[in-house]
Amino acid sequence: MDWKEMAKNNRILALILYIGAGLTGLGAIAGALNSIFDLAQRVDISDENNWLPRVYVQVLDWLSLAATIPVWLMLPIFALAVASVYLLVQQRTQLSKLSKELDELKSPSMADLDSSDERVLFWVKLIYDNTSTGLGPTPAIVAEAAKMPLSNVEASVDVLKQAGLIRLKKLKSDPLDLTAKGRDYFRSLEVLSRYDSFEIKLLNRRV
């Protein structure tokens, strides 16, 4: 994250940068005008009618003051400035991460599944919904119902686990369960349409 983005997303830091830039610009302009027109030497500050040039000269004198700071005092000031910038960057990074997590919760991203992986997921849901045991099917039951090789089903199970859509405890003989993300997957109208078509094909096949 560069300083422009950090300043854009932090009002306090942006205000400090704007004030610093404004004072620097004011000093530069005042010094340039004084060098060109030599106004500081031409203005009679004792003349009450010359209040505006007098204010200008006083501001110019203030901007031209030389400040002497001991080195031991500059070190903690520099350390404090570095720590402040670091904390601001860390805070911005954390806020950005939390914002992404919140966006993900509001609208979960769809897992990128191929037709074979989605077919296995459909079978897991279908078998689970049509059993009264409260347990999902094992990979072997899915392979038998879908008439797929067990190795293909297990490969799809690995993909579905990686995507966070199903849960398998330890052994491949354990029941498969849909996770919260897996249940959210079926909330998509597009997925529901494909699942309905999947069920209709099964019904037609059994008739």
C-alpha atoms as a PDB file:
ATOM      1  CA  MET A   1       0.000   0.000   0.000  1.00  0.00           C
ATOM      2  CA  ASP A   2       1.546   3.341  -1.037  1.00  0.00           C
ATOM      3  CA  TRP A   3       1.182   6.634   0.862  1.00  0.00           C
ATOM      4  CA  LYS A   4      -1.478   7.924  -1.543  1.00  0.00           C
ATOM      5  CA  GLU A   5      -3.825   5.024  -0.850  1.00  0.00           C
ATOM      6  CA  MET A   6      -3.085   5.187   2.876  1.00  0.00           C
ATOM      7  CA  ALA A   7      -3.825   8.925   2.964  1.00  0.00           C
ATOM      8  CA  LYS A   8      -6.993   8.438   0.942  1.00  0.00           C
ATOM      9  CA  ASN A   9      -8.373   5.926   3.430  1.00  0.00           C
ATOM     10  CA  ASN A  10      -7.258   7.670   6.633  1.00  0.00           C
ATOM     11  CA  ARG A  11      -8.712  11.130   7.268  1.00  0.00           C
ATOM     12  CA  ILE A  12      -6.319  12.064  10.082  1.00  0.00           C
ATOM     13  CA  LEU A  13      -3.245  11.178   8.054  1.00  0.00           C
ATOM     14  CA  ALA A  14      -4.691  12.950   5.010  1.00  0.00           C
ATOM     15  CA  LEU A  15      -5.336  16.084   7.097  1.00  0.00           C
ATOM     16  CA  ILE A  16      -1.754  16.049   8.415  1.00  0.00           C
ATOM     17  CA  LEU A  17      -0.378  15.639   4.899  1.00  0.00           C
ATOM     18  CA  TYR A  18      -2.589  18.436   3.532  1.00  0.00           C
ATOM     19  CA  ILE A  19      -1.586  20.810   6.346  1.00  0.00           C
ATOM     20  CA  GLY A  20       2.089  19.989   5.861  1.00  0.00           C
ATOM     21  CA  ALA A  21       1.834  20.416   2.109  1.00  0.00           C
ATOM     22  CA  GLY A  22      -0.084  23.685   2.549  1.00  0.00           C
ATOM     23  CA  LEU A  23       2.496  25.142   4.943  1.00  0.00           C
ATOM     24  CA  THR A  24       5.330  23.998   2.708  1.00  0.00           C
ATOM     25  CA  GLY A  25       3.651  25.553  -0.324  1.00  0.00           C
ATOM     26  CA  LEU A  26       2.933  28.774   1.582  1.00  0.00           C
ATOM     27  CA  GLY A  27       6.525  29.046   2.725  1.00  0.00           C
ATOM     28  CA  ALA A  28       7.835  28.339  -0.763  1.00  0.00           C
ATOM     29  CA  ILE A  29       5.536  30.926  -2.365  1.00  0.00           C
ATOM     30  CA  ALA A  30       6.294  33.531   0.287  1.00  0.00           C
ATOM     31  CA  GLY A  31      10.031  32.953  -0.030  1.00  0.00           C
ATOM     32  CA  ALA A  32       9.843  33.137  -3.835  1.00  0.00           C
ATOM     33  CA  LEU A  33       7.836  36.376  -3.791  1.00  0.00           C
ATOM     34  CA  ASN A  34      10.190  37.921  -1.307  1.00  0.00           C
ATOM     35  CA  SER A  35      13.180  36.920  -3.400  1.00  0.00           C
ATOM     36  CA  ILE A  36      11.626  38.342  -6.570  1.00  0.00           C
ATOM     37  CA  PHE A  37      10.203  41.597  -5.227  1.00  0.00           C
ATOM     38  CA  ASP A  38      12.266  41.995  -2.050  1.00  0.00           C
ATOM     39  CA  LEU A  39       9.036  42.966  -0.255  1.00  0.00           C
ATOM     40  CA  ALA A  40      10.383  42.412   3.244  1.00  0.00           C
ATOM     41  CA  GLN A  41      12.829  45.293   2.817  1.00  0.00           C
ATOM     42  CA  ARG A  42      10.399  47.658   1.033  1.00  0.00           C
ATOM     43  CA  VAL A  43       7.507  47.482   3.481  1.00  0.00           C
ATOM     44  CA  ASP A  44       7.364  50.038   6.222  1.00  0.00           C
ATOM     45  CA  ILE A  45       5.876  48.026   9.104  1.00  0.00           C
ATOM     46  CA  SER A  46       5.441  51.172  11.174  1.00  0.00           C
ATOM     47  CA  ASP A  47       2.846  52.498   8.711  1.00  0.00           C
ATOM     48  CA  GLU A  48      -0.639  51.555   9.984  1.00  0.00           C
ATOM     49  CA  ASN A  49      -2.065  51.697   6.449  1.00  0.00           C
ATOM     50  CA  ASN A  50       0.244  48.882   5.355  1.00  0.00           C
ATOM     51  CA  TRP A  51      -1.386  46.244   7.595  1.00  0.00           C
ATOM     52  CA  LEU A  52      -1.601  43.601   4.873  1.00  0.00           C
ATOM     53  CA  PRO A  53       2.075  43.796   3.848  1.00  0.00           C
ATOM     54  CA  ARG A  54       2.980  43.980   7.533  1.00  0.00           C
ATOM     55  CA  VAL A  55       1.122  40.714   8.235  1.00  0.00           C
ATOM     56  CA  TYR A  56       2.838  39.184   5.238  1.00  0.00           C
ATOM     57  CA  VAL A  57       6.268  40.193   6.535  1.00  0.00           C
ATOM     58  CA  GLN A  58       5.504  38.835  10.002  1.00  0.00           C
ATOM     59  CA  VAL A  59       4.336  35.509   8.581  1.00  0.00           C
ATOM     60  CA  LEU A  60       7.410  35.393   6.352  1.00  0.00           C
ATOM     61  CA  ASP A  61       9.665  36.040   9.337  1.00  0.00           C
ATOM     62  CA  TRP A  62       7.929  33.250  11.260  1.00  0.00           C
ATOM     63  CA  LEU A  63       8.346  30.833   8.348  1.00  0.00           C
ATOM     64  CA  SER A  64      11.992  31.806   8.057  1.00  0.00           C
ATOM     65  CA  LEU A  65      12.835  31.024  11.686  1.00  0.00           C
ATOM     66  CA  ALA A  66      15.623  28.485  12.093  1.00  0.00           C
ATOM     67  CA  ALA A  67      14.829  25.698  14.550  1.00  0.00           C
ATOM     68  CA  THR A  68      17.631  23.819  16.265  1.00  0.00           C
ATOM     69  CA  ILE A  69      16.675  20.401  17.629  1.00  0.00           C
ATOM     70  CA  PRO A  70      19.112  18.121  19.450  1.00  0.00           C
ATOM     71  CA  VAL A  71      19.803  14.789  17.785  1.00  0.00           C
ATOM     72  CA  TRP A  72      18.617  12.857  20.861  1.00  0.00           C
ATOM     73  CA  LEU A  73      15.235  14.578  20.497  1.00  0.00           C
ATOM     74  CA  MET A  74      15.006  13.881  16.781  1.00  0.00           C
ATOM     75  CA  LEU A  75      15.469  10.123  17.280  1.00  0.00           C
ATOM     76  CA  PRO A  76      12.298   9.521  19.363  1.00  0.00           C
ATOM     77  CA  ILE A  77      10.341  11.846  17.047  1.00  0.00           C
ATOM     78  CA  PHE A  78      11.484   9.830  14.034  1.00  0.00           C
ATOM     79  CA  ALA A  79      10.745   6.540  15.832  1.00  0.00           C
ATOM     80  CA  LEU A  80       7.284   7.800  16.768  1.00  0.00           C
ATOM     81  CA  ALA A  81       6.587   8.815  13.167  1.00  0.00           C
ATOM     82  CA  VAL A  82       7.697   5.404  11.842  1.00  0.00           C
ATOM     83  CA  ALA A  83       5.626   3.590  14.481  1.00  0.00           C
ATOM     84  CA  SER A  84       2.574   5.702  13.640  1.00  0.00           C
ATOM     85  CA  VAL A  85       2.851   4.955   9.932  1.00  0.00           C
ATOM     86  CA  TYR A  86       3.360   1.247  10.675  1.00  0.00           C
ATOM     87  CA  LEU A  87       0.294   1.132  12.919  1.00  0.00           C
ATOM     88  CA  LEU A  88      -1.774   2.920  10.289  1.00  0.00           C
ATOM     89  CA  VAL A  89      -0.700   0.430   7.622  1.00  0.00           C
ATOM     90  CA  GLN A  90      -1.433  -2.515   9.928  1.00  0.00           C
ATOM     91  CA  GLN A  91      -4.833  -1.094  10.801  1.00  0.00           C
ATOM     92  CA  ARG A  92      -5.672  -0.538   7.150  1.00  0.00           C
ATOM     93  CA  THR A  93      -4.581  -4.090   6.278  1.00  0.00           C
ATOM     94  CA  GLN A  94      -6.709  -5.558   9.062  1.00  0.00           C
ATOM     95  CA  LEU A  95      -9.724  -3.467   8.078  1.00  0.00           C
ATOM     96  CA  SER A  96      -9.316  -4.527   4.453  1.00  0.00           C
ATOM     97  CA  LYS A  97      -9.189  -8.202   5.511  1.00  0.00           C
ATOM     98  CA  LEU A  98     -12.272  -7.831   7.707  1.00  0.00           C
ATOM     99  CA  SER A  99     -14.077  -6.038   4.881  1.00  0.00           C
ATOM    100  CA  LYS A 100     -13.331  -8.893   2.474  1.00  0.00           C
ATOM    101  CA  GLU A 101     -14.527 -11.457   5.033  1.00  0.00           C
ATOM    102  CA  LEU A 102     -17.730  -9.459   5.554  1.00  0.00           C
ATOM    103  CA  ASP A 103     -18.321  -9.250   1.798  1.00  0.00           C
ATOM    104  CA  GLU A 104     -17.756 -12.992   1.566  1.00  0.00           C
ATOM    105  CA  LEU A 105     -20.365 -13.602   4.275  1.00  0.00           C
ATOM    106  CA  LYS A 106     -22.862 -11.290   2.573  1.00  0.00           C
ATOM    107  CA  SER A 107     -22.434 -12.849  -0.858  1.00  0.00           C
ATOM    108  CA  PRO A 108     -20.448 -16.095  -0.733  1.00  0.00           C
ATOM    109  CA  SER A 109     -18.357 -16.766  -3.807  1.00  0.00           C
ATOM    110  CA  MET A 110     -19.409 -19.766  -5.839  1.00  0.00           C
ATOM    111  CA  ALA A 111     -17.063 -22.718  -5.862  1.00  0.00           C
ATOM    112  CA  ASP A 112     -15.656 -23.556  -9.282  1.00  0.00           C
ATOM    113  CA  LEU A 113     -16.769 -27.163  -9.813  1.00  0.00           C
ATOM    114  CA  ASP A 114     -16.786 -29.237 -12.939  1.00  0.00           C
ATOM    115  CA  SER A 115     -19.811 -31.350 -13.890  1.00  0.00           C
ATOM    116  CA  SER A 116     -18.444 -34.513 -12.276  1.00  0.00           C
ATOM    117  CA  ASP A 117     -17.709 -32.838  -8.927  1.00  0.00           C
ATOM    118  CA  GLU A 118     -21.102 -31.143  -8.893  1.00  0.00           C
ATOM    119  CA  ARG A 119     -22.796 -34.414  -9.745  1.00  0.00           C
ATOM    120  CA  VAL A 120     -21.236 -36.054  -6.683  1.00  0.00           C
ATOM    121  CA  LEU A 121     -22.358 -33.094  -4.564  1.00  0.00           C
ATOM    122  CA  PHE A 122     -25.900 -33.457  -5.917  1.00  0.00           C
ATOM    123  CA  TRP A 123     -25.921 -37.145  -5.013  1.00  0.00           C
ATOM    124  CA  VAL A 124     -24.726 -36.370  -1.475  1.00  0.00           C
ATOM    125  CA  LYS A 125     -27.587 -33.913  -0.990  1.00  0.00           C
ATOM    126  CA  LEU A 126     -30.180 -36.162  -2.617  1.00  0.00           C
ATOM    127  CA  ILE A 127     -29.283 -39.235  -0.555  1.00  0.00           C
ATOM    128  CA  TYR A 128     -29.041 -37.197   2.650  1.00  0.00           C
ATOM    129  CA  ASP A 129     -32.447 -35.587   2.050  1.00  0.00           C
ATOM    130  CA  ASN A 130     -34.071 -38.988   1.398  1.00  0.00           C
ATOM    131  CA  THR A 131     -32.748 -40.781   4.466  1.00  0.00           C
ATOM    132  CA  SER A 132     -34.128 -40.599   7.996  1.00  0.00           C
ATOM    133  CA  THR A 133     -30.883 -41.479   9.757  1.00  0.00           C
ATOM    134  CA  GLY A 134     -29.561 -37.919   9.837  1.00  0.00           C
ATOM    135  CA  LEU A 135     -26.337 -39.120   8.263  1.00  0.00           C
ATOM    136  CA  GLY A 136     -24.996 -38.492   4.811  1.00  0.00           C
ATOM    137  CA  PRO A 137     -23.884 -41.219   2.396  1.00  0.00           C
ATOM    138  CA  THR A 138     -20.406 -42.697   2.287  1.00  0.00           C
ATOM    139  CA  PRO A 139     -18.361 -42.332  -0.920  1.00  0.00           C
ATOM    140  CA  ALA A 140     -19.084 -46.013  -1.673  1.00  0.00           C
ATOM    141  CA  ILE A 141     -22.852 -45.433  -1.451  1.00  0.00           C
ATOM    142  CA  VAL A 142     -22.555 -42.397  -3.765  1.00  0.00           C
ATOM    143  CA  ALA A 143     -20.506 -44.419  -6.251  1.00  0.00           C
ATOM    144  CA  GLU A 144     -23.114 -47.215  -6.246  1.00  0.00           C
ATOM    145  CA  ALA A 145     -26.065 -44.836  -6.630  1.00  0.00           C
ATOM    146  CA  ALA A 146     -24.418 -42.700  -9.306  1.00  0.00           C
ATOM    147  CA  LYS A 147     -22.950 -45.723 -11.093  1.00  0.00           C
ATOM    148  CA  MET A 148     -19.525 -44.076 -10.986  1.00  0.00           C
ATOM    149  CA  PRO A 149     -16.141 -45.639 -10.221  1.00  0.00           C
ATOM    150  CA  LEU A 150     -15.309 -45.273  -6.555  1.00  0.00           C
ATOM    151  CA  SER A 151     -11.943 -43.697  -7.415  1.00  0.00           C
ATOM    152  CA  ASN A 152     -13.718 -40.946  -9.394  1.00  0.00           C
ATOM    153  CA  VAL A 153     -16.096 -40.287  -6.511  1.00  0.00           C
ATOM    154  CA  GLU A 154     -13.202 -40.116  -4.041  1.00  0.00           C
ATOM    155  CA  ALA A 155     -11.371 -37.682  -6.344  1.00  0.00           C
ATOM    156  CA  SER A 156     -14.469 -35.463  -6.448  1.00  0.00           C
ATOM    157  CA  VAL A 157     -14.797 -35.751  -2.668  1.00  0.00           C
ATOM    158  CA  ASP A 158     -11.245 -34.399  -2.328  1.00  0.00           C
ATOM    159  CA  VAL A 159     -12.172 -31.430  -4.539  1.00  0.00           C
ATOM    160  CA  LEU A 160     -15.381 -30.777  -2.602  1.00  0.00           C
ATOM    161  CA  LYS A 161     -13.520 -30.947   0.706  1.00  0.00           C
ATOM    162  CA  GLN A 162     -10.922 -28.511  -0.581  1.00  0.00           C
ATOM    163  CA  ALA A 163     -13.716 -26.132  -1.609  1.00  0.00           C
ATOM    164  CA  GLY A 164     -15.240 -26.419   1.860  1.00  0.00           C
ATOM    165  CA  LEU A 165     -18.555 -27.790   0.588  1.00  0.00           C
ATOM    166  CA  ILE A 166     -18.563 -31.165   2.327  1.00  0.00           C
ATOM    167  CA  ARG A 167     -17.160 -32.597   5.527  1.00  0.00           C
ATOM    168  CA  LEU A 168     -15.522 -36.003   5.855  1.00  0.00           C
ATOM    169  CA  LYS A 169     -14.229 -36.872   9.322  1.00  0.00           C
ATOM    170  CA  LYS A 170     -11.239 -39.130   8.751  1.00  0.00           C
ATOM    171  CA  LEU A 171     -11.886 -42.348   6.917  1.00  0.00           C
ATOM    172  CA  LYS A 172     -13.265 -42.480   3.397  1.00  0.00           C
ATOM    173  CA  SER A 173     -15.834 -44.931   4.720  1.00  0.00           C
ATOM    174  CA  ASP A 174     -17.302 -42.242   7.014  1.00  0.00           C
ATOM    175  CA  PRO A 175     -20.539 -40.448   6.041  1.00  0.00           C
ATOM    176  CA  LEU A 176     -20.321 -37.252   4.003  1.00  0.00           C
ATOM    177  CA  ASP A 177     -22.028 -34.131   5.356  1.00  0.00           C
ATOM    178  CA  LEU A 178     -22.719 -30.794   3.720  1.00  0.00           C
ATOM    179  CA  THR A 179     -21.035 -27.845   5.413  1.00  0.00           C
ATOM    180  CA  ALA A 180     -22.640 -24.424   5.856  1.00  0.00           C
ATOM    181  CA  LYS A 181     -20.884 -23.331   2.683  1.00  0.00           C
ATOM    182  CA  GLY A 182     -22.159 -26.441   0.941  1.00  0.00           C
ATOM    183  CA  ARG A 183     -25.743 -25.631   1.937  1.00  0.00           C
ATOM    184  CA  ASP A 184     -25.262 -22.040   0.762  1.00  0.00           C
ATOM    185  CA  TYR A 185     -24.107 -23.424  -2.587  1.00  0.00           C
ATOM    186  CA  PHE A 186     -27.646 -24.641  -3.234  1.00  0.00           C
ATOM    187  CA  ARG A 187     -29.142 -21.214  -2.526  1.00  0.00           C
ATOM    188  CA  SER A 188     -28.026 -20.032  -5.953  1.00  0.00           C
ATOM    189  CA  LEU A 189     -30.883 -20.020  -8.460  1.00  0.00           C
ATOM    190  CA  GLU A 190     -28.543 -21.308 -11.139  1.00  0.00           C
ATOM    191  CA  VAL A 191     -27.451 -24.252  -8.988  1.00  0.00           C
ATOM    192  CA  LEU A 192     -31.030 -24.979  -7.928  1.00  0.00           C
ATOM    193  CA  SER A 193     -32.053 -25.081 -11.582  1.00  0.00           C
ATOM    194  CA  ARG A 194     -29.340 -27.644 -12.354  1.00  0.00           C
ATOM    195  CA  TYR A 195     -30.266 -29.655  -9.258  1.00  0.00           C
ATOM    196  CA  ASP A 196     -33.934 -29.718 -10.289  1.00  0.00           C
ATOM    197  CA  SER A 197     -32.912 -30.951 -13.745  1.00  0.00           C
ATOM    198  CA  PHE A 198     -30.770 -33.591 -12.043  1.00  0.00           C
ATOM    199  CA  GLU A 199     -33.754 -34.827  -9.999  1.00  0.00           C
ATOM    200  CA  ILE A 200     -36.055 -34.829 -13.032  1.00  0.00           C
ATOM    201  CA  LYS A 201     -33.592 -36.969 -15.010  1.00  0.00           C
ATOM    202  CA  LEU A 202     -33.440 -39.441 -12.129  1.00  0.00           C
ATOM    203  CA  LEU A 203     -37.233 -39.656 -11.963  1.00  0.00           C
ATOM    204  CA  ASN A 204     -37.484 -40.225 -15.721  1.00  0.00           C
ATOM    205  CA  ARG A 205     -34.817 -42.893 -15.515  1.00  0.00           C
ATOM    206  CA  ARG A 206     -36.691 -44.762 -12.796  1.00  0.00           C
ATOM    207  CA  VAL A 207     -40.049 -44.633 -14.605  1.00  0.00           C
END
